[in-house]
Amino acid sequence: MFKSLIPLLAIAGSTQFFTPHVNHQSIEPMNEQNSSISLSPKEAIMKLDTILVFTPYLDEKPQSFKYNVKGKERDVYFAAFSVSAIDKLKRDILSKIQIDVQSTAFKPASLAVFDSKIRELRTNSKEDFDVVFIPDPDQIEVAQRLLLKQGYPENKVDFALNNSPMIFCTKPSIILKNNDQSDNTSIPCSTDYKTIKNIVDMTKPTKKNWFSKGIKPEVIALTLNQFIETLNNSEDPSVKELRVIPTPSSVNVINEVIKKKEQAK
């Protein structure tokens, strides 16, 4: 069940200086032969397993739509990154295509699962197609503020906000310790700003000595490409502890899906 992906966490007082890659170029495919990369391709993909996306489905398969991309009509698969993003997709895109928007069924799946299905389609399909991500519109305002504060090129901010989902992490990184008496820890990130901000607000920085004030972590915003680039290319061993915490709305959706399946039995 999905709940098994959400262990009970307690705030540990310690922080560490994990620094995500924050360059602004599109990422290159992972080089599986590079021994300096701390995550294997499979490990990197699994880091995306708790990011929920909503995709139009038809007959148990992702549904594509004919859509104009850069002046050319192409088959497009859409992935919305929140319930609000579904509404935005319906309102701004699907309503302008001659389809019955209200009857379009959206199925939740992890980003890792969606990625695997798209890879399978690319392998088996004779037709080329595009994939369009619909970011959570509720995160745009705070993400814009953070990106500009972090020095993201001002002339590229609007494009990033409207085309890339955002991952919120902390700097310095906060380490969460499991409540199950084990030594397991994780470094939390989330697609929801408030989730990470709440963790920051509950964290007390560890002082290195009696006269040190400690460093209060702050929330930073990364585009999905930046986050994936960090997973792919960072040589920092703490990358292995990065974990995207499911958002409260994602958990609610999954619980509803589980409830409906149990009721249908």
Foldseek 3Di string as FASTA:
>chain_A
DVVVVAFDWDFDQEFAADDFDDDDDFDDPFDQPDPLQLDHPVLLLVLQQQQKWKWFDDPNAGAWDFDQDPNDTFTETEIERAPQLLVVCVVPPVVVDPDDSVPGDIDMGTPSVVVVRVVVCVVPPPGDHYYFYAARPVCLVVQLVQCVVVPNPPVCSVVLSGGFQKKKFKGRFTWIAGPPPDRDIATEIESDPVVRVVSLVPHHHDAPDDPGRGDRIDMHIDTPSSLSCRNRDPSPNNNSRYHYRRDPNRVVVVVVVVVVVVVVD
